[in-house]
């Protein structure tokens, strides 16, 4: 007896991340992403979004850091 595999379930893609306020790296990546979208280079735009999402920012806890 042969059975079919269950259907593949795909999730909606993540929304593009916003650059962290005041971060020059995130701002530059956001500009590169916008340019890539304008040029229909969605692979490069996705790469920029991944870099923005993964770019480390120290968590500020009260006072100065």
N, C-alpha and C. Protein backbone atom coordinates (compact mmCIF):
# COMPACT_ATOMS: atom_id res chain seq x y z
N UNK A 1 0.84 -1.17 0.00
CA UNK A 1 0.00 0.00 0.00
C UNK A 1 0.90 1.25 0.00
N UNK A 2 0.55 2.22 -0.80
CA UNK A 2 1.31 3.46 -0.92
C UNK A 2 0.44 4.63 -0.44
N UNK A 3 1.06 5.49 0.34
CA UNK A 3 0.32 6.67 0.80
C UNK A 3 1.05 7.93 0.37
N UNK A 4 0.31 8.99 0.28
CA UNK A 4 0.88 10.28 -0.11
C UNK A 4 1.43 10.99 1.13
N UNK A 5 2.46 11.77 0.91
CA UNK A 5 2.98 12.62 1.98
C UNK A 5 1.96 13.72 2.27
N UNK A 6 1.96 14.24 3.49
CA UNK A 6 1.05 15.34 3.78
C UNK A 6 1.45 16.58 2.99
N UNK A 7 0.54 17.52 2.79
CA UNK A 7 0.87 18.72 2.01
C UNK A 7 1.92 19.57 2.73
N UNK A 8 2.69 20.27 1.95
CA UNK A 8 3.71 21.17 2.49
C UNK A 8 3.01 22.45 2.92
N UNK A 9 3.33 22.91 4.12
CA UNK A 9 2.75 24.15 4.62
C UNK A 9 3.84 25.22 4.65
N UNK A 10 3.60 26.29 3.94
CA UNK A 10 4.57 27.39 3.89
C UNK A 10 4.05 28.56 4.71
N UNK A 11 4.95 29.20 5.45
CA UNK A 11 4.57 30.37 6.21
C UNK A 11 4.75 31.61 5.33
N UNK A 12 4.09 32.69 5.75
CA UNK A 12 4.29 33.95 5.05
C UNK A 12 5.70 34.44 5.31
N UNK A 13 6.30 35.12 4.35
CA UNK A 13 7.66 35.64 4.58
C UNK A 13 7.64 36.70 5.68
N UNK A 14 8.77 36.85 6.36
CA UNK A 14 8.90 37.87 7.40
C UNK A 14 8.85 39.25 6.78
N UNK A 15 8.30 40.20 7.52
CA UNK A 15 8.32 41.59 7.05
C UNK A 15 9.76 42.09 7.12
N UNK A 16 10.14 42.98 6.21
CA UNK A 16 11.51 43.51 6.27
C UNK A 16 11.75 44.20 7.61
N UNK A 17 12.87 43.93 8.26
CA UNK A 17 13.14 44.55 9.55
C UNK A 17 13.47 46.03 9.41
N UNK A 18 13.10 46.80 10.41
CA UNK A 18 13.45 48.22 10.44
C UNK A 18 14.88 48.35 10.96
N UNK A 19 15.64 49.30 10.42
CA UNK A 19 16.99 49.51 10.93
C UNK A 19 16.92 50.07 12.36
N UNK A 20 17.88 49.71 13.19
CA UNK A 20 17.93 50.22 14.56
C UNK A 20 18.17 51.73 14.52
N UNK A 21 17.42 52.49 15.30
CA UNK A 21 17.60 53.95 15.31
C UNK A 21 19.03 54.32 15.68
N UNK A 22 19.61 55.21 14.89
CA UNK A 22 20.95 55.70 15.18
C UNK A 22 22.09 54.79 14.79
N UNK A 23 21.80 53.62 14.22
CA UNK A 23 22.86 52.69 13.83
C UNK A 23 23.25 52.95 12.38
N UNK A 24 24.48 53.36 12.17
CA UNK A 24 24.96 53.64 10.82
C UNK A 24 25.00 52.41 9.94
N UNK A 25 25.36 51.27 10.52
CA UNK A 25 25.42 50.02 9.76
C UNK A 25 24.03 49.64 9.27
N UNK A 26 23.05 49.66 10.18
CA UNK A 26 21.69 49.30 9.80
C UNK A 26 21.13 50.29 8.77
N UNK A 27 21.45 51.58 8.95
CA UNK A 27 20.99 52.59 8.00
C UNK A 27 21.55 52.34 6.61
N UNK A 28 22.84 52.02 6.54
CA UNK A 28 23.47 51.74 5.24
C UNK A 28 22.86 50.50 4.60
N UNK A 29 22.61 49.48 5.41
CA UNK A 29 21.99 48.26 4.88
C UNK A 29 20.58 48.53 4.38
N UNK A 30 19.84 49.38 5.07
CA UNK A 30 18.49 49.72 4.64
C UNK A 30 18.53 50.46 3.29
N UNK A 31 19.50 51.36 3.12
CA UNK A 31 19.64 52.05 1.82
C UNK A 31 20.02 51.07 0.72
N UNK A 32 20.94 50.14 1.03
CA UNK A 32 21.31 49.13 0.03
C UNK A 32 20.12 48.25 -0.33
N UNK A 33 19.31 47.91 0.68
CA UNK A 33 18.13 47.08 0.44
C UNK A 33 17.15 47.82 -0.47
N UNK A 34 16.93 49.11 -0.21
CA UNK A 34 16.01 49.89 -1.05
C UNK A 34 16.51 49.96 -2.49
N UNK A 35 17.82 50.14 -2.66
CA UNK A 35 18.38 50.18 -4.01
C UNK A 35 18.21 48.82 -4.69
N UNK A 36 18.44 47.75 -3.95
CA UNK A 36 18.29 46.40 -4.53
C UNK A 36 16.85 46.16 -4.96
N UNK A 37 15.89 46.60 -4.15
CA UNK A 37 14.47 46.44 -4.51
C UNK A 37 14.18 47.24 -5.78
N UNK A 38 14.69 48.48 -5.85
CA UNK A 38 14.50 49.31 -7.05
C UNK A 38 15.07 48.65 -8.30
N UNK A 39 16.16 47.90 -8.12
CA UNK A 39 16.80 47.22 -9.25
C UNK A 39 16.28 45.80 -9.47
N UNK A 40 15.23 45.44 -8.72
CA UNK A 40 14.61 44.10 -8.81
C UNK A 40 15.60 42.99 -8.46
N UNK A 41 16.56 43.29 -7.61
CA UNK A 41 17.52 42.28 -7.14
C UNK A 41 17.05 41.81 -5.76
N UNK A 42 16.03 40.95 -5.78
CA UNK A 42 15.41 40.53 -4.53
C UNK A 42 16.30 39.64 -3.69
N UNK A 43 17.25 38.96 -4.30
CA UNK A 43 18.21 38.16 -3.54
C UNK A 43 19.08 39.07 -2.67
N UNK A 44 19.59 40.12 -3.27
CA UNK A 44 20.43 41.07 -2.52
C UNK A 44 19.59 41.80 -1.46
N UNK A 45 18.35 42.14 -1.78
CA UNK A 45 17.47 42.79 -0.81
C UNK A 45 17.24 41.88 0.39
N UNK A 46 17.04 40.60 0.14
CA UNK A 46 16.85 39.64 1.23
C UNK A 46 18.12 39.52 2.07
N UNK A 47 19.28 39.50 1.41
CA UNK A 47 20.55 39.44 2.15
C UNK A 47 20.69 40.64 3.08
N UNK A 48 20.32 41.83 2.61
CA UNK A 48 20.39 43.03 3.45
C UNK A 48 19.44 42.91 4.63
N UNK A 49 18.25 42.39 4.41
CA UNK A 49 17.29 42.23 5.50
C UNK A 49 17.82 41.26 6.55
N UNK A 50 18.44 40.18 6.10
CA UNK A 50 19.01 39.21 7.04
C UNK A 50 20.12 39.87 7.85
N UNK A 51 20.96 40.67 7.20
CA UNK A 51 22.04 41.34 7.93
C UNK A 51 21.49 42.34 8.94
N UNK A 52 20.45 43.09 8.57
CA UNK A 52 19.84 44.03 9.51
C UNK A 52 19.27 43.27 10.71
N UNK A 53 18.55 42.19 10.43
CA UNK A 53 17.92 41.40 11.50
C UNK A 53 18.96 40.81 12.44
N UNK A 54 20.11 40.42 11.93
CA UNK A 54 21.14 39.76 12.74
C UNK A 54 22.20 40.70 13.29
N UNK A 55 22.16 41.98 12.92
CA UNK A 55 23.19 42.91 13.38
C UNK A 55 23.04 43.12 14.88
N UNK A 56 24.13 42.90 15.64
CA UNK A 56 24.03 43.00 17.10
C UNK A 56 23.96 44.45 17.58
N UNK A 57 23.11 44.66 18.57
CA UNK A 57 23.01 45.96 19.25
C UNK A 57 22.96 45.68 20.73
N UNK A 58 23.83 46.32 21.50
CA UNK A 58 23.79 46.10 22.95
C UNK A 58 22.47 46.62 23.51
N UNK A 59 21.94 45.89 24.47
CA UNK A 59 20.71 46.31 25.12
C UNK A 59 21.04 47.38 26.15
N UNK A 60 20.34 48.49 26.08
CA UNK A 60 20.56 49.57 27.05
C UNK A 60 19.70 49.32 28.26
N UNK A 61 20.32 49.41 29.41
CA UNK A 61 19.59 49.21 30.66
C UNK A 61 19.76 50.46 31.52
N UNK A 62 18.76 51.29 31.57
CA UNK A 62 18.80 52.48 32.42
C UNK A 62 20.16 53.18 32.42
N UNK A 63 20.19 54.43 32.52
CA UNK A 63 21.46 55.14 32.58
C UNK A 63 22.23 55.06 31.28
N UNK A 64 23.51 55.38 31.35
CA UNK A 64 24.35 55.37 30.14
C UNK A 64 24.99 54.00 29.97
N UNK A 65 25.26 53.66 28.73
CA UNK A 65 25.99 52.42 28.46
C UNK A 65 27.02 52.62 27.39
